[in-house]
Amino acid sequence: MTTTTTAAVMTAREVAQQIKFRACLAHAVLYRARNKVKDQLRAAGLKVSHYSARDLTALAKEYVRHHREELIEACRPWVHELVFKSKR
């Protein structure tokens, strides 16, 4: 018995766009998470300036662990527009 599989063939440009999309999405998610963490700190009456960039990033990564899907869905349209619609 022979099994036939169908694979989508992507051009080099499409592969590059996919790589760029994923990297940009990951960055946008972390950026949004950092801003959410900063907002939470301010809401708790704390000063963001009392936290190092390393601490803010660690808190943001923890926030991403718990809110990954929400953040991805919020960032996906913007990143898609940036990567696939731009003439760069």
Protein backbone atom coordinates (compact mmCIF):
# COMPACT_ATOMS: atom_id res chain seq x y z
CA MET A 1 0.00 0.00 0.00
CA THR A 2 1.38 3.40 -0.99
CA THR A 3 0.65 6.53 1.01
CA THR A 4 0.57 9.82 -0.81
CA THR A 5 1.16 13.03 1.07
CA THR A 6 0.65 16.51 -0.19
CA ALA A 7 3.04 19.18 1.02
CA ALA A 8 2.73 22.88 0.42
CA VAL A 9 5.75 24.26 -1.33
CA MET A 10 6.77 27.72 -0.21
CA THR A 11 9.03 30.09 -2.06
CA ALA A 12 12.10 31.50 -0.34
CA ARG A 13 10.30 34.82 0.02
CA GLU A 14 7.30 33.17 1.71
CA VAL A 15 9.59 31.30 4.10
CA ALA A 16 11.37 34.54 4.95
CA GLN A 17 8.03 36.25 5.58
CA GLN A 18 6.92 33.42 7.88
CA ILE A 19 10.15 33.63 9.86
CA LYS A 20 9.81 37.41 10.09
CA PHE A 21 6.16 37.08 11.12
CA ARG A 22 6.92 34.67 13.96
CA ALA A 23 9.83 36.72 15.26
CA CYS A 24 7.83 39.94 15.06
CA LEU A 25 4.83 38.32 16.77
CA ALA A 26 7.00 37.03 19.63
CA HIS A 27 8.49 40.49 20.10
CA ALA A 28 5.09 42.21 19.97
CA VAL A 29 3.63 39.78 22.51
CA LEU A 30 6.47 40.39 24.95
CA TYR A 31 6.25 44.16 24.41
CA ARG A 32 2.52 44.13 25.13
CA ALA A 33 3.07 41.93 28.19
CA ARG A 34 5.69 44.35 29.53
CA ASN A 35 3.21 47.20 29.19
CA LYS A 36 0.51 45.17 30.95
CA VAL A 37 2.93 44.41 33.80
CA LYS A 38 3.85 48.09 34.08
CA ASP A 39 0.15 49.00 34.21
CA GLN A 40 -0.41 46.42 36.96
CA LEU A 41 2.51 47.79 38.98
CA ARG A 42 1.20 51.33 38.65
CA ALA A 43 -2.30 50.18 39.63
CA ALA A 44 -0.82 48.63 42.76
CA GLY A 45 0.75 52.00 43.63
CA LEU A 46 4.31 50.89 42.82
CA LYS A 47 6.85 52.81 40.76
CA VAL A 48 8.00 51.15 37.55
CA SER A 49 11.35 52.94 37.88
CA HIS A 50 12.09 50.85 40.99
CA TYR A 51 12.28 47.72 38.81
CA SER A 52 15.18 46.80 36.57
CA ALA A 53 14.64 45.93 32.91
CA ARG A 54 15.55 42.34 33.80
CA ASP A 55 12.87 42.19 36.49
CA LEU A 56 10.25 43.71 34.19
CA THR A 57 11.11 41.19 31.47
CA ALA A 58 10.89 38.30 33.94
CA LEU A 59 7.48 39.52 35.10
CA ALA A 60 6.39 39.96 31.48
CA LYS A 61 7.46 36.41 30.59
CA GLU A 62 5.46 35.12 33.53
CA TYR A 63 2.48 37.16 32.34
CA VAL A 64 2.86 35.65 28.86
CA ARG A 65 2.83 32.13 30.35
CA HIS A 66 -0.64 32.81 31.78
CA HIS A 67 -2.10 34.97 28.99
CA ARG A 68 -0.39 33.68 25.82
CA GLU A 69 -3.47 33.18 23.64
CA GLU A 70 -5.01 36.51 24.60
CA LEU A 71 -1.80 38.36 23.77
CA ILE A 72 -1.24 36.53 20.48
CA GLU A 73 -4.77 37.26 19.31
CA ALA A 74 -4.36 40.93 20.22
CA CYS A 75 -1.03 41.27 18.37
CA ARG A 76 -1.63 39.02 15.36
CA PRO A 77 -3.58 41.49 13.14
CA TRP A 78 -1.06 44.28 13.63
CA VAL A 79 1.93 42.02 12.97
CA HIS A 80 0.24 40.46 9.93
CA GLU A 81 -0.36 43.92 8.49
CA LEU A 82 3.24 44.91 9.19
CA VAL A 83 4.87 41.83 7.70
CA PHE A 84 2.67 40.86 4.78
CA LYS A 85 1.32 44.21 3.58
CA SER A 86 4.47 46.31 3.76
CA LYS A 87 6.80 46.79 0.81
CA ARG A 88 9.96 46.20 2.87
